[in-house]
Amino acid sequence: MEELRNRIMLVDDDPDFLEPIKMALESHSYIVETANSEEGAVKLMDVFKPDLAVFDLMMDNYDSGFILSHKLKSRYPDALVIIATGVTKETGFRFSADSKYGGNWTNADLIMDKGIRPDQILKEIKKLLKS
């Protein structure tokens, strides 16, 4: 009997963030599909149903991650979403998943500040997926 493995969508326009996170997740037996743009992520949603997605907040647009979170949750309501953002470092403005700007319409499950190490995001993913 084949073991069920969690499927993760990882979307970021920064390869220096995308690649190490992807490698860490795959080394823990997650099935990982990536995209490097909002448009690429929308296309990926047509062929890949993730258990969890990690979206960069600012890509094609300043709110790409929020838009993707909303689209993913509309299509796959059970999917979990982490939004990774460098906004706090750049502006001092802090989002949280339960704020009116972060959680309400996007339904993001967690918002993390960029500078996240692969082991930190892996820990949060395991917590959310209860794996």
C-alpha atoms as a PDB file:
ATOM      1  CA  MET A   1       0.000   0.000   0.000  1.00  0.00           C
ATOM      2  CA  GLU A   2       1.431   3.379  -1.020  1.00  0.00           C
ATOM      3  CA  GLU A   3       1.799   5.989   1.700  1.00  0.00           C
ATOM      4  CA  LEU A   4      -0.256   9.141   1.180  1.00  0.00           C
ATOM      5  CA  ARG A   5       1.983  12.163   0.847  1.00  0.00           C
ATOM      6  CA  ASN A   6       0.864  15.745   1.274  1.00  0.00           C
ATOM      7  CA  ARG A   7       0.860  17.939  -1.812  1.00  0.00           C
ATOM      8  CA  ILE A   8       2.254  21.463  -1.534  1.00  0.00           C
ATOM      9  CA  MET A   9       2.080  24.369  -3.972  1.00  0.00           C
ATOM     10  CA  LEU A  10       4.972  26.781  -3.556  1.00  0.00           C
ATOM     11  CA  VAL A  11       4.751  30.131  -5.371  1.00  0.00           C
ATOM     12  CA  ASP A  12       7.373  32.877  -5.237  1.00  0.00           C
ATOM     13  CA  ASP A  13       9.126  35.031  -7.831  1.00  0.00           C
ATOM     14  CA  ASP A  14      12.409  34.828  -5.900  1.00  0.00           C
ATOM     15  CA  PRO A  15      14.371  31.656  -6.760  1.00  0.00           C
ATOM     16  CA  ASP A  16      16.575  32.221  -3.681  1.00  0.00           C
ATOM     17  CA  PHE A  17      13.458  31.642  -1.546  1.00  0.00           C
ATOM     18  CA  LEU A  18      11.717  29.092  -3.764  1.00  0.00           C
ATOM     19  CA  GLU A  19      14.496  26.560  -4.335  1.00  0.00           C
ATOM     20  CA  PRO A  20      15.733  25.982  -0.736  1.00  0.00           C
ATOM     21  CA  ILE A  21      12.154  25.672   0.538  1.00  0.00           C
ATOM     22  CA  LYS A  22      11.278  23.240  -2.253  1.00  0.00           C
ATOM     23  CA  MET A  23      14.346  21.116  -1.519  1.00  0.00           C
ATOM     24  CA  ALA A  24      13.576  21.031   2.216  1.00  0.00           C
ATOM     25  CA  LEU A  25       9.965  20.001   1.624  1.00  0.00           C
ATOM     26  CA  GLU A  26      10.888  17.308  -0.889  1.00  0.00           C
ATOM     27  CA  SER A  27      13.496  15.930   1.514  1.00  0.00           C
ATOM     28  CA  HIS A  28      10.605  15.364   3.946  1.00  0.00           C
ATOM     29  CA  SER A  29       8.624  13.465   1.284  1.00  0.00           C
ATOM     30  CA  TYR A  30       6.165  16.202   0.359  1.00  0.00           C
ATOM     31  CA  ILE A  31       5.028  16.376  -3.266  1.00  0.00           C
ATOM     32  CA  VAL A  32       5.913  19.926  -4.318  1.00  0.00           C
ATOM     33  CA  GLU A  33       4.863  21.865  -7.404  1.00  0.00           C
ATOM     34  CA  THR A  34       6.129  25.401  -7.951  1.00  0.00           C
ATOM     35  CA  ALA A  35       5.265  28.526  -9.895  1.00  0.00           C
ATOM     36  CA  ASN A  36       7.126  31.835 -10.017  1.00  0.00           C
ATOM     37  CA  SER A  37       4.213  34.189 -10.754  1.00  0.00           C
ATOM     38  CA  GLU A  38       0.574  34.818  -9.947  1.00  0.00           C
ATOM     39  CA  GLU A  39      -0.377  33.780 -13.489  1.00  0.00           C
ATOM     40  CA  GLY A  40       1.679  30.589 -13.240  1.00  0.00           C
ATOM     41  CA  ALA A  41       0.029  29.716  -9.938  1.00  0.00           C
ATOM     42  CA  VAL A  42      -3.481  30.146 -11.366  1.00  0.00           C
ATOM     43  CA  LYS A  43      -2.558  27.774 -14.225  1.00  0.00           C
ATOM     44  CA  LEU A  44      -1.065  25.299 -11.760  1.00  0.00           C
ATOM     45  CA  MET A  45      -4.334  25.282  -9.764  1.00  0.00           C
ATOM     46  CA  ASP A  46      -6.041  23.824 -12.853  1.00  0.00           C
ATOM     47  CA  VAL A  47      -3.904  20.680 -12.735  1.00  0.00           C
ATOM     48  CA  PHE A  48      -2.663  20.409  -9.141  1.00  0.00           C
ATOM     49  CA  LYS A  49      -4.827  20.266  -6.003  1.00  0.00           C
ATOM     50  CA  PRO A  50      -2.605  21.041  -3.022  1.00  0.00           C
ATOM     51  CA  ASP A  51      -3.200  20.191   0.606  1.00  0.00           C
ATOM     52  CA  LEU A  52      -1.283  23.370   1.441  1.00  0.00           C
ATOM     53  CA  ALA A  53       0.067  26.335  -0.508  1.00  0.00           C
ATOM     54  CA  VAL A  54       2.784  28.838   0.315  1.00  0.00           C
ATOM     55  CA  PHE A  55       2.315  32.113  -1.564  1.00  0.00           C
ATOM     56  CA  ASP A  56       4.638  35.106  -1.693  1.00  0.00           C
ATOM     57  CA  LEU A  57       2.558  38.221  -1.024  1.00  0.00           C
ATOM     58  CA  MET A  58       4.159  40.581  -3.566  1.00  0.00           C
ATOM     59  CA  MET A  59       4.842  39.188  -7.035  1.00  0.00           C
ATOM     60  CA  ASP A  60       3.068  40.397 -10.196  1.00  0.00           C
ATOM     61  CA  ASN A  61       0.981  42.699  -7.979  1.00  0.00           C
ATOM     62  CA  TYR A  62       1.366  44.027  -4.446  1.00  0.00           C
ATOM     63  CA  ASP A  63      -1.384  41.668  -3.303  1.00  0.00           C
ATOM     64  CA  SER A  64      -0.689  38.579  -5.448  1.00  0.00           C
ATOM     65  CA  GLY A  65      -0.524  36.268  -2.431  1.00  0.00           C
ATOM     66  CA  PHE A  66      -3.875  37.480  -1.119  1.00  0.00           C
ATOM     67  CA  ILE A  67      -5.466  37.063  -4.556  1.00  0.00           C
ATOM     68  CA  LEU A  68      -4.030  33.557  -4.925  1.00  0.00           C
ATOM     69  CA  SER A  69      -5.158  32.587  -1.434  1.00  0.00           C
ATOM     70  CA  HIS A  70      -8.697  33.723  -2.218  1.00  0.00           C
ATOM     71  CA  LYS A  71      -8.723  31.859  -5.556  1.00  0.00           C
ATOM     72  CA  LEU A  72      -7.290  28.670  -4.073  1.00  0.00           C
ATOM     73  CA  LYS A  73      -9.728  28.629  -1.132  1.00  0.00           C
ATOM     74  CA  SER A  74     -12.636  29.297  -3.530  1.00  0.00           C
ATOM     75  CA  ARG A  75     -11.593  26.323  -5.641  1.00  0.00           C
ATOM     76  CA  TYR A  76     -10.324  23.997  -2.888  1.00  0.00           C
ATOM     77  CA  PRO A  77     -11.879  25.081   0.441  1.00  0.00           C
ATOM     78  CA  ASP A  78      -9.947  22.495   2.477  1.00  0.00           C
ATOM     79  CA  ALA A  79      -6.528  23.646   1.246  1.00  0.00           C
ATOM     80  CA  LEU A  80      -4.391  25.437   3.811  1.00  0.00           C
ATOM     81  CA  VAL A  81      -2.546  28.650   2.921  1.00  0.00           C
ATOM     82  CA  ILE A  82       0.618  30.279   4.237  1.00  0.00           C
ATOM     83  CA  ILE A  83       1.435  33.755   2.938  1.00  0.00           C
ATOM     84  CA  ALA A  84       5.118  34.700   3.060  1.00  0.00           C
ATOM     85  CA  THR A  85       5.806  38.414   3.023  1.00  0.00           C
ATOM     86  CA  GLY A  86       8.655  40.870   3.199  1.00  0.00           C
ATOM     87  CA  VAL A  87       6.217  43.756   3.752  1.00  0.00           C
ATOM     88  CA  THR A  88       6.991  44.090   7.452  1.00  0.00           C
ATOM     89  CA  LYS A  89      10.726  44.432   6.794  1.00  0.00           C
ATOM     90  CA  GLU A  90      10.156  46.937   3.979  1.00  0.00           C
ATOM     91  CA  THR A  91       7.345  49.042   5.449  1.00  0.00           C
ATOM     92  CA  GLY A  92       6.994  48.204   9.132  1.00  0.00           C
ATOM     93  CA  PHE A  93       3.342  47.273   8.497  1.00  0.00           C
ATOM     94  CA  ARG A  94       2.517  43.854   9.912  1.00  0.00           C
ATOM     95  CA  PHE A  95      -0.173  41.532   8.529  1.00  0.00           C
ATOM     96  CA  SER A  96      -1.620  38.637  10.454  1.00  0.00           C
ATOM     97  CA  ALA A  97      -3.966  35.881   9.365  1.00  0.00           C
ATOM     98  CA  ASP A  98      -6.686  37.211  11.642  1.00  0.00           C
ATOM     99  CA  SER A  99      -6.429  40.870  10.641  1.00  0.00           C
ATOM    100  CA  LYS A 100      -9.020  42.464   8.377  1.00  0.00           C
ATOM    101  CA  TYR A 101      -6.318  42.939   5.722  1.00  0.00           C
ATOM    102  CA  GLY A 102      -4.919  39.445   5.935  1.00  0.00           C
ATOM    103  CA  GLY A 103      -7.371  36.824   6.978  1.00  0.00           C
ATOM    104  CA  ASN A 104     -10.892  37.980   6.293  1.00  0.00           C
ATOM    105  CA  TRP A 105     -11.247  37.758   2.547  1.00  0.00           C
ATOM    106  CA  THR A 106      -8.187  35.640   1.746  1.00  0.00           C
ATOM    107  CA  ASN A 107      -8.784  32.996   4.397  1.00  0.00           C
ATOM    108  CA  ALA A 108      -5.019  32.592   4.828  1.00  0.00           C
ATOM    109  CA  ASP A 109      -4.225  30.195   7.653  1.00  0.00           C
ATOM    110  CA  LEU A 110      -0.867  31.747   8.510  1.00  0.00           C
ATOM    111  CA  ILE A 111       1.129  34.803   7.479  1.00  0.00           C
ATOM    112  CA  MET A 112       4.896  34.610   7.969  1.00  0.00           C
ATOM    113  CA  ASP A 113       7.525  37.323   7.603  1.00  0.00           C
ATOM    114  CA  LYS A 114      10.152  36.651   4.942  1.00  0.00           C
ATOM    115  CA  GLY A 115      13.573  35.717   6.151  1.00  0.00           C
ATOM    116  CA  ILE A 116      11.996  32.369   6.970  1.00  0.00           C
ATOM    117  CA  ARG A 117      14.492  29.538   7.087  1.00  0.00           C
ATOM    118  CA  PRO A 118      13.465  26.244   5.463  1.00  0.00           C
ATOM    119  CA  ASP A 119      13.361  24.515   8.866  1.00  0.00           C
ATOM    120  CA  GLN A 120      11.011  27.211  10.235  1.00  0.00           C
ATOM    121  CA  ILE A 121       8.527  26.928   7.392  1.00  0.00           C
ATOM    122  CA  LEU A 122       8.746  23.127   7.543  1.00  0.00           C
ATOM    123  CA  LYS A 123       7.818  23.240  11.243  1.00  0.00           C
ATOM    124  CA  GLU A 124       4.765  25.431  10.515  1.00  0.00           C
ATOM    125  CA  ILE A 125       3.694  23.228   7.591  1.00  0.00           C
ATOM    126  CA  LYS A 126       3.893  20.115   9.758  1.00  0.00           C
ATOM    127  CA  LYS A 127       1.819  21.883  12.415  1.00  0.00           C
ATOM    128  CA  LEU A 128      -0.872  22.966   9.937  1.00  0.00           C
ATOM    129  CA  LEU A 129      -1.024  19.572   8.211  1.00  0.00           C
ATOM    130  CA  LYS A 130      -0.786  17.747  11.544  1.00  0.00           C
ATOM    131  CA  SER A 131       1.914  15.540  10.044  1.00  0.00           C
END
